[in-house]
């Protein structure tokens, strides 16, 4: 890919995640979180497989931005809610350990993926991680369970958006996170082109 094409793929991925995330959060409040997480893992991994088979930019956009981005959008709201449900007394600790794993995973995956790509080619690396992710999604579907919760009444989706956006804390945290992701996505997309 050219630098502009790599930027387009990263931007499209980020746009899909941003647009779908509120819907993912709303569905995560209404549907079984364990099933949503397993489905998100399988969708994300199918996108990885497809990215490995992509021979054109439009196909790469579909698989990387569409499927991988769509699966990614469900992960944070559903996984954090699932953790919070299982760890009533140690919620912050559980989420912080999860956050450590979210950094360790890309580090280990980047090292392993880079080595595999040098040895066997980048497509095979996508296929390996894609198939492994689908297998993990199936395992999650069989083993992961929601925590017992008290039934909650849900407000209409648009009312929830309005109430959330009326909070200055939500707006400030959202803006701060947008700046962090702006730098992170830019760095992760273009750093390999600099070397």
Protein backbone atom coordinates (compact mmCIF):
# COMPACT_ATOMS: atom_id res chain seq x y z
CA UNK A 1 0.00 0.00 0.00
CA UNK A 2 1.00 3.59 -0.47
CA UNK A 3 1.06 5.83 2.57
CA UNK A 4 -2.26 7.36 1.52
CA UNK A 5 -3.86 3.92 1.10
CA UNK A 6 -2.56 2.74 4.50
CA UNK A 7 -3.98 5.92 6.02
CA UNK A 8 -7.33 5.30 4.29
CA UNK A 9 -7.54 1.75 5.66
CA UNK A 10 -6.69 2.92 9.20
CA UNK A 11 -9.14 5.84 8.98
CA UNK A 12 -11.94 3.64 7.64
CA UNK A 13 -11.31 1.08 10.41
CA UNK A 14 -11.42 3.82 13.05
CA UNK A 15 -14.58 5.33 11.54
CA UNK A 16 -16.38 1.97 11.60
CA UNK A 17 -15.38 1.41 15.24
CA UNK A 18 -16.52 4.93 16.18
CA UNK A 19 -19.89 4.63 14.44
CA UNK A 20 -20.71 1.12 15.65
CA UNK A 21 -19.44 1.46 19.26
CA UNK A 22 -22.56 3.23 20.65
CA UNK A 23 -24.77 0.56 19.07
CA UNK A 24 -22.50 -2.12 20.52
CA UNK A 25 -22.83 -0.57 23.97
CA UNK A 26 -26.63 -0.39 23.68
CA UNK A 27 -26.83 -4.01 22.53
CA UNK A 28 -24.41 -5.02 25.29
CA UNK A 29 -26.88 -3.61 27.81
CA UNK A 30 -29.73 -5.64 26.32
CA UNK A 31 -28.27 -8.94 25.05
CA UNK A 32 -26.08 -11.65 26.62
CA UNK A 33 -22.60 -10.16 26.84
CA UNK A 34 -20.78 -13.49 26.63
CA UNK A 35 -22.48 -14.33 23.32
CA UNK A 36 -21.80 -10.86 21.91
CA UNK A 37 -18.14 -11.12 22.89
CA UNK A 38 -17.77 -14.54 21.24
CA UNK A 39 -19.51 -13.27 18.08
CA UNK A 40 -17.33 -10.14 18.02
CA UNK A 41 -14.19 -12.30 18.27
CA UNK A 42 -15.34 -14.49 15.39
CA UNK A 43 -16.29 -11.50 13.21
CA UNK A 44 -13.00 -9.74 13.95
CA UNK A 45 -11.05 -12.90 13.14
CA UNK A 46 -12.99 -13.47 9.92
CA UNK A 47 -11.92 -9.96 8.95
CA UNK A 48 -8.30 -10.93 9.64
CA UNK A 49 -8.65 -14.00 7.42
CA UNK A 50 -10.20 -11.92 4.65
CA UNK A 51 -7.49 -9.26 4.93
CA UNK A 52 -4.95 -12.01 4.31
CA UNK A 53 -6.76 -12.97 1.10
CA UNK A 54 -7.32 -9.39 -0.06
CA UNK A 55 -5.73 -8.58 -3.39
CA UNK A 56 -7.32 -5.14 -3.88
CA UNK A 57 -7.77 -2.03 -1.77
CA UNK A 58 -11.61 -2.28 -1.77
CA UNK A 59 -11.42 -5.86 -0.45
CA UNK A 60 -8.92 -4.84 2.21
CA UNK A 61 -11.21 -1.97 3.21
CA UNK A 62 -14.17 -4.36 3.49
CA UNK A 63 -12.33 -6.93 5.60
CA UNK A 64 -10.09 -4.66 7.70
CA UNK A 65 -12.47 -1.73 8.18
CA UNK A 66 -15.83 -3.47 7.86
CA UNK A 67 -15.48 -6.83 9.57
CA UNK A 68 -12.47 -6.23 11.78
CA UNK A 69 -13.70 -2.76 12.73
CA UNK A 70 -17.21 -4.07 13.36
CA UNK A 71 -15.92 -6.82 15.64
CA UNK A 72 -13.58 -4.42 17.41
CA UNK A 73 -16.44 -2.01 18.17
CA UNK A 74 -18.16 -4.60 20.35
CA UNK A 75 -15.10 -5.58 22.36
CA UNK A 76 -14.59 -2.67 24.82
CA UNK A 77 -18.17 -2.07 25.97
CA UNK A 78 -19.06 -5.75 26.20
CA UNK A 79 -15.81 -6.97 27.77
CA UNK A 80 -15.75 -4.25 30.41
CA UNK A 81 -19.38 -4.83 31.33
CA UNK A 82 -18.75 -8.58 31.50
CA UNK A 83 -15.71 -8.07 33.74
CA UNK A 84 -17.61 -5.66 35.98
CA UNK A 85 -20.41 -8.21 36.37
CA UNK A 86 -18.03 -10.98 37.44
CA UNK A 87 -15.87 -8.83 39.71
CA UNK A 88 -18.14 -6.85 42.00
CA UNK A 89 -15.55 -6.30 44.75
CA UNK A 90 -12.44 -6.07 42.57
CA UNK A 91 -13.80 -4.35 39.46
CA UNK A 92 -11.00 -1.78 39.04
CA UNK A 93 -8.28 -4.41 39.56
CA UNK A 94 -9.90 -6.81 37.07
CA UNK A 95 -10.23 -4.10 34.43
CA UNK A 96 -6.63 -2.94 35.02
CA UNK A 97 -5.33 -6.51 34.55
CA UNK A 98 -7.44 -6.72 31.40
CA UNK A 99 -5.91 -3.42 30.22
CA UNK A 100 -2.41 -4.82 30.78
CA UNK A 101 -3.35 -7.80 28.61
CA UNK A 102 -4.61 -5.40 25.92
CA UNK A 103 -1.11 -3.93 25.72
CA UNK A 104 0.77 -7.19 26.15
CA UNK A 105 -1.28 -8.86 23.38
CA UNK A 106 -0.27 -6.43 20.61
CA UNK A 107 3.35 -6.49 21.78
CA UNK A 108 3.54 -10.30 21.73
CA UNK A 109 1.37 -10.52 18.61
CA UNK A 110 3.48 -7.90 16.85
CA UNK A 111 6.70 -9.74 17.64
CA UNK A 112 5.29 -13.14 16.66
CA UNK A 113 3.45 -11.74 13.64
CA UNK A 114 6.55 -9.91 12.41
CA UNK A 115 8.69 -13.00 12.76
CA UNK A 116 6.08 -15.20 11.02
CA UNK A 117 5.71 -12.66 8.22
CA UNK A 118 9.47 -12.65 7.65
CA UNK A 119 9.59 -16.44 7.62
CA UNK A 120 6.42 -17.28 5.72
CA UNK A 121 4.86 -14.07 4.36
CA UNK A 122 2.37 -11.55 5.67
CA UNK A 123 -0.70 -13.34 4.28
CA UNK A 124 0.02 -16.53 6.21
CA UNK A 125 0.33 -14.47 9.39
CA UNK A 126 -3.15 -13.02 8.88
CA UNK A 127 -4.52 -16.50 8.17
CA UNK A 128 -2.91 -17.99 11.28
CA UNK A 129 -4.21 -15.26 13.59
CA UNK A 130 -7.59 -15.32 11.84
CA UNK A 131 -8.08 -19.07 12.27
CA UNK A 132 -6.78 -18.91 15.86
CA UNK A 133 -9.23 -16.10 16.64
CA UNK A 134 -12.17 -18.01 15.18
CA UNK A 135 -11.20 -21.01 17.31
CA UNK A 136 -10.99 -18.76 20.38
CA UNK A 137 -14.39 -17.27 19.52
CA UNK A 138 -15.88 -20.78 19.41
CA UNK A 139 -14.26 -21.62 22.75
CA UNK A 140 -15.65 -18.41 24.26
CA UNK A 141 -19.11 -19.30 22.95
CA UNK A 142 -18.90 -22.66 24.73
CA UNK A 143 -17.27 -21.59 28.01
CA UNK A 144 -17.90 -17.90 28.77
CA UNK A 145 -20.99 -17.03 30.80
CA UNK A 146 -22.63 -13.79 31.86
CA UNK A 147 -22.65 -12.88 35.52
CA UNK A 148 -25.99 -13.04 37.29
CA UNK A 149 -27.50 -9.57 37.17
CA UNK A 150 -30.53 -7.78 38.43
CA UNK A 151 -33.03 -7.08 35.63
CA UNK A 152 -32.78 -3.49 34.43
CA UNK A 153 -35.24 -1.42 32.48
CA UNK A 154 -33.66 0.26 29.48
CA UNK A 155 -34.45 3.69 28.18
CA UNK A 156 -34.84 4.20 24.43
CA UNK A 157 -31.52 4.35 22.57
CA UNK A 158 -31.71 8.02 21.53
CA UNK A 159 -32.70 9.08 25.05
CA UNK A 160 -29.61 7.25 26.34
CA UNK A 161 -27.39 9.11 23.85
CA UNK A 162 -28.88 12.46 24.82
CA UNK A 163 -28.48 11.77 28.54
CA UNK A 164 -24.90 10.58 28.12
CA UNK A 165 -23.87 13.50 25.91
CA UNK A 166 -25.47 15.96 28.35
CA UNK A 167 -22.78 14.96 30.87
CA UNK A 168 -19.74 17.24 30.70
CA UNK A 169 -17.61 14.39 32.08
CA UNK A 170 -18.61 12.12 29.19
CA UNK A 171 -17.83 14.87 26.67
CA UNK A 172 -14.43 15.64 28.24
CA UNK A 173 -13.38 12.01 28.52
CA UNK A 174 -14.53 11.42 24.94
CA UNK A 175 -12.50 14.36 23.65
CA UNK A 176 -9.40 13.27 25.59
CA UNK A 177 -9.71 9.73 24.27
CA UNK A 178 -10.17 11.07 20.73
CA UNK A 179 -6.81 12.87 21.00
CA UNK A 180 -5.11 9.74 22.35
CA UNK A 181 -6.49 7.63 19.50
CA UNK A 182 -5.56 10.26 16.93
CA UNK A 183 -1.92 9.91 17.94
CA UNK A 184 -2.08 6.14 18.42
CA UNK A 185 -3.72 5.29 15.10
CA UNK A 186 -1.41 7.66 13.24
CA UNK A 187 1.68 6.20 14.85
CA UNK A 188 0.63 2.58 14.39
CA UNK A 189 -0.28 3.17 10.75
CA UNK A 190 2.77 5.08 9.63
CA UNK A 191 5.60 3.90 11.93
CA UNK A 192 6.32 0.83 9.75
CA UNK A 193 6.68 3.13 6.72
CA UNK A 194 9.32 5.27 8.45
CA UNK A 195 11.83 2.47 9.01
